[in-house]
Amino acid sequence: MILHSCYGASSLSKQEPSYLAIIYYEVRYLGFLLSIFYQVVIIEILHFKRSVFDSYAYCLRQCIV
């Protein structure tokens, strides 16, 4: 009975760090994906703003001329 409880405790302590490592790597992977996603979104937003500004400036130039 004592050996079984000790074995259970040791196997639990061996299993816990691998479980934490899996969570750690999943969080790092999700963070990596989110950073790529945000970079793409920011680039697209800046490109959209620039295209809107260019079309607005073109319209102003046409209206002035």
N, C-alpha and C. Protein backbone atom coordinates (compact mmCIF):
# COMPACT_ATOMS: atom_id res chain seq x y z
N MET A 1 0.82 -1.19 0.00
CA MET A 1 0.00 0.00 0.00
C MET A 1 0.87 1.26 0.00
N ILE A 2 1.90 1.27 0.83
CA ILE A 2 2.78 2.44 0.88
C ILE A 2 3.55 2.57 -0.42
N LEU A 3 4.02 1.44 -0.96
CA LEU A 3 4.75 1.50 -2.22
C LEU A 3 3.85 2.03 -3.34
N HIS A 4 2.59 1.63 -3.33
CA HIS A 4 1.68 2.09 -4.37
C HIS A 4 1.46 3.60 -4.29
N SER A 5 1.32 4.13 -3.08
CA SER A 5 1.11 5.57 -2.94
C SER A 5 2.37 6.34 -3.32
N CYS A 6 3.52 5.79 -2.97
CA CYS A 6 4.77 6.46 -3.36
C CYS A 6 4.94 6.43 -4.87
N TYR A 7 4.61 5.29 -5.47
CA TYR A 7 4.73 5.18 -6.92
C TYR A 7 3.77 6.13 -7.61
N GLY A 8 2.55 6.24 -7.06
CA GLY A 8 1.59 7.15 -7.65
C GLY A 8 2.05 8.60 -7.55
N ALA A 9 2.64 8.96 -6.42
CA ALA A 9 3.12 10.33 -6.25
C ALA A 9 4.29 10.61 -7.18
N SER A 10 5.18 9.62 -7.33
CA SER A 10 6.34 9.87 -8.20
C SER A 10 5.90 9.95 -9.66
N SER A 11 4.94 9.11 -10.06
CA SER A 11 4.50 9.18 -11.45
C SER A 11 3.74 10.49 -11.70
N LEU A 12 3.02 10.97 -10.69
CA LEU A 12 2.32 12.24 -10.85
C LEU A 12 3.31 13.39 -10.99
N SER A 13 4.37 13.36 -10.19
CA SER A 13 5.36 14.44 -10.27
C SER A 13 6.14 14.36 -11.57
N LYS A 14 6.28 13.16 -12.12
CA LYS A 14 6.95 13.05 -13.43
C LYS A 14 6.03 13.51 -14.56
N GLN A 15 4.74 13.29 -14.38
CA GLN A 15 3.80 13.64 -15.45
C GLN A 15 3.52 15.14 -15.48
N GLU A 16 3.58 15.79 -14.34
CA GLU A 16 3.20 17.19 -14.26
C GLU A 16 4.11 18.13 -15.08
N PRO A 17 5.43 18.00 -15.02
CA PRO A 17 6.26 18.92 -15.82
C PRO A 17 6.02 18.78 -17.33
N SER A 18 5.78 17.56 -17.81
CA SER A 18 5.53 17.42 -19.24
C SER A 18 4.20 18.09 -19.62
N TYR A 19 3.22 17.99 -18.72
CA TYR A 19 1.94 18.66 -18.95
C TYR A 19 2.13 20.18 -18.99
N LEU A 20 2.92 20.69 -18.06
CA LEU A 20 3.20 22.13 -18.05
C LEU A 20 4.00 22.54 -19.29
N ALA A 21 4.89 21.68 -19.73
CA ALA A 21 5.67 22.00 -20.93
C ALA A 21 4.77 22.05 -22.16
N ILE A 22 3.80 21.14 -22.21
CA ILE A 22 2.86 21.17 -23.34
C ILE A 22 2.07 22.48 -23.33
N ILE A 23 1.58 22.87 -22.16
CA ILE A 23 0.85 24.14 -22.07
C ILE A 23 1.75 25.31 -22.46
N TYR A 24 3.01 25.27 -22.00
CA TYR A 24 3.96 26.35 -22.30
C TYR A 24 4.18 26.48 -23.81
N TYR A 25 4.40 25.33 -24.47
CA TYR A 25 4.64 25.40 -25.91
C TYR A 25 3.39 25.76 -26.68
N GLU A 26 2.22 25.34 -26.19
CA GLU A 26 0.99 25.76 -26.86
C GLU A 26 0.79 27.27 -26.75
N VAL A 27 1.08 27.83 -25.58
CA VAL A 27 0.94 29.27 -25.40
C VAL A 27 1.94 30.02 -26.28
N ARG A 28 3.17 29.51 -26.34
CA ARG A 28 4.15 30.16 -27.21
C ARG A 28 3.73 30.08 -28.67
N TYR A 29 3.20 28.94 -29.11
CA TYR A 29 2.77 28.76 -30.49
C TYR A 29 1.60 29.69 -30.81
N LEU A 30 0.63 29.77 -29.88
CA LEU A 30 -0.50 30.67 -30.10
C LEU A 30 -0.05 32.12 -30.13
N GLY A 31 0.91 32.48 -29.28
CA GLY A 31 1.44 33.83 -29.30
C GLY A 31 2.13 34.15 -30.61
N PHE A 32 2.85 33.16 -31.15
CA PHE A 32 3.51 33.34 -32.44
C PHE A 32 2.49 33.55 -33.55
N LEU A 33 1.43 32.73 -33.55
CA LEU A 33 0.40 32.89 -34.57
C LEU A 33 -0.32 34.23 -34.44
N LEU A 34 -0.58 34.64 -33.20
CA LEU A 34 -1.25 35.93 -33.01
C LEU A 34 -0.37 37.09 -33.46
N SER A 35 0.93 36.99 -33.23
CA SER A 35 1.82 38.07 -33.66
C SER A 35 1.83 38.17 -35.19
N ILE A 36 1.86 37.03 -35.87
CA ILE A 36 1.81 37.06 -37.34
C ILE A 36 0.48 37.65 -37.81
N PHE A 37 -0.60 37.23 -37.16
CA PHE A 37 -1.93 37.73 -37.54
C PHE A 37 -2.01 39.23 -37.37
N TYR A 38 -1.53 39.74 -36.23
CA TYR A 38 -1.58 41.19 -36.00
C TYR A 38 -0.70 41.95 -36.98
N GLN A 39 0.46 41.39 -37.32
CA GLN A 39 1.32 42.07 -38.29
C GLN A 39 0.63 42.17 -39.64
N VAL A 40 -0.02 41.09 -40.07
CA VAL A 40 -0.72 41.11 -41.35
C VAL A 40 -1.87 42.10 -41.32
N VAL A 41 -2.62 42.10 -40.23
CA VAL A 41 -3.76 43.02 -40.12
C VAL A 41 -3.30 44.46 -40.13
N ILE A 42 -2.22 44.76 -39.39
CA ILE A 42 -1.72 46.14 -39.36
C ILE A 42 -1.22 46.57 -40.73
N ILE A 43 -0.53 45.68 -41.43
CA ILE A 43 -0.04 46.01 -42.78
C ILE A 43 -1.23 46.26 -43.71
N GLU A 44 -2.26 45.41 -43.62
CA GLU A 44 -3.43 45.60 -44.48
C GLU A 44 -4.15 46.90 -44.16
N ILE A 45 -4.27 47.23 -42.87
CA ILE A 45 -4.94 48.48 -42.50
C ILE A 45 -4.16 49.69 -43.01
N LEU A 46 -2.83 49.64 -42.86
CA LEU A 46 -2.02 50.76 -43.35
C LEU A 46 -2.11 50.88 -44.87
N HIS A 47 -2.12 49.74 -45.55
CA HIS A 47 -2.24 49.77 -47.01
C HIS A 47 -3.61 50.33 -47.41
N PHE A 48 -4.64 49.94 -46.70
CA PHE A 48 -5.98 50.45 -47.01
C PHE A 48 -6.07 51.95 -46.77
N LYS A 49 -5.49 52.42 -45.65
CA LYS A 49 -5.50 53.85 -45.37
C LYS A 49 -4.74 54.61 -46.45
N ARG A 50 -3.61 54.06 -46.87
CA ARG A 50 -2.82 54.74 -47.90
C ARG A 50 -3.59 54.80 -49.21
N SER A 51 -4.27 53.72 -49.58
CA SER A 51 -5.02 53.73 -50.84
C SER A 51 -6.19 54.70 -50.76
N VAL A 52 -6.86 54.76 -49.61
CA VAL A 52 -7.96 55.72 -49.46
C VAL A 52 -7.42 57.14 -49.52
N PHE A 53 -6.30 57.39 -48.86
CA PHE A 53 -5.72 58.73 -48.88
C PHE A 53 -5.28 59.11 -50.29
N ASP A 54 -4.67 58.15 -51.02
CA ASP A 54 -4.24 58.44 -52.39
C ASP A 54 -5.44 58.75 -53.28
N SER A 55 -6.52 58.01 -53.15
CA SER A 55 -7.69 58.29 -53.98
C SER A 55 -8.32 59.63 -53.60
N TYR A 56 -8.30 59.96 -52.31
CA TYR A 56 -8.82 61.25 -51.87
C TYR A 56 -7.96 62.39 -52.40
N ALA A 57 -6.64 62.22 -52.35
CA ALA A 57 -5.74 63.26 -52.87
C ALA A 57 -5.91 63.39 -54.38
N TYR A 58 -6.10 62.28 -55.07
CA TYR A 58 -6.31 62.34 -56.52
C TYR A 58 -7.60 63.09 -56.85
N CYS A 59 -8.63 62.83 -56.07
CA CYS A 59 -9.90 63.54 -56.29
C CYS A 59 -9.74 65.05 -56.05
N LEU A 60 -8.99 65.39 -54.99
CA LEU A 60 -8.76 66.81 -54.72
C LEU A 60 -7.98 67.46 -55.86
N ARG A 61 -6.98 66.74 -56.37
CA ARG A 61 -6.20 67.30 -57.49
C ARG A 61 -7.08 67.52 -58.71
N GLN A 62 -7.96 66.57 -58.97
CA GLN A 62 -8.85 66.71 -60.12
C GLN A 62 -9.84 67.86 -59.92
N CYS A 63 -10.30 68.01 -58.68
CA CYS A 63 -11.25 69.09 -58.41
C CYS A 63 -10.58 70.45 -58.50
N ILE A 64 -9.32 70.54 -58.05
CA ILE A 64 -8.60 71.81 -58.10
C ILE A 64 -8.27 72.17 -59.54
N VAL A 65 -7.84 71.22 -60.32
CA VAL A 65 -7.50 71.47 -61.72
C VAL A 65 -8.78 71.55 -62.52
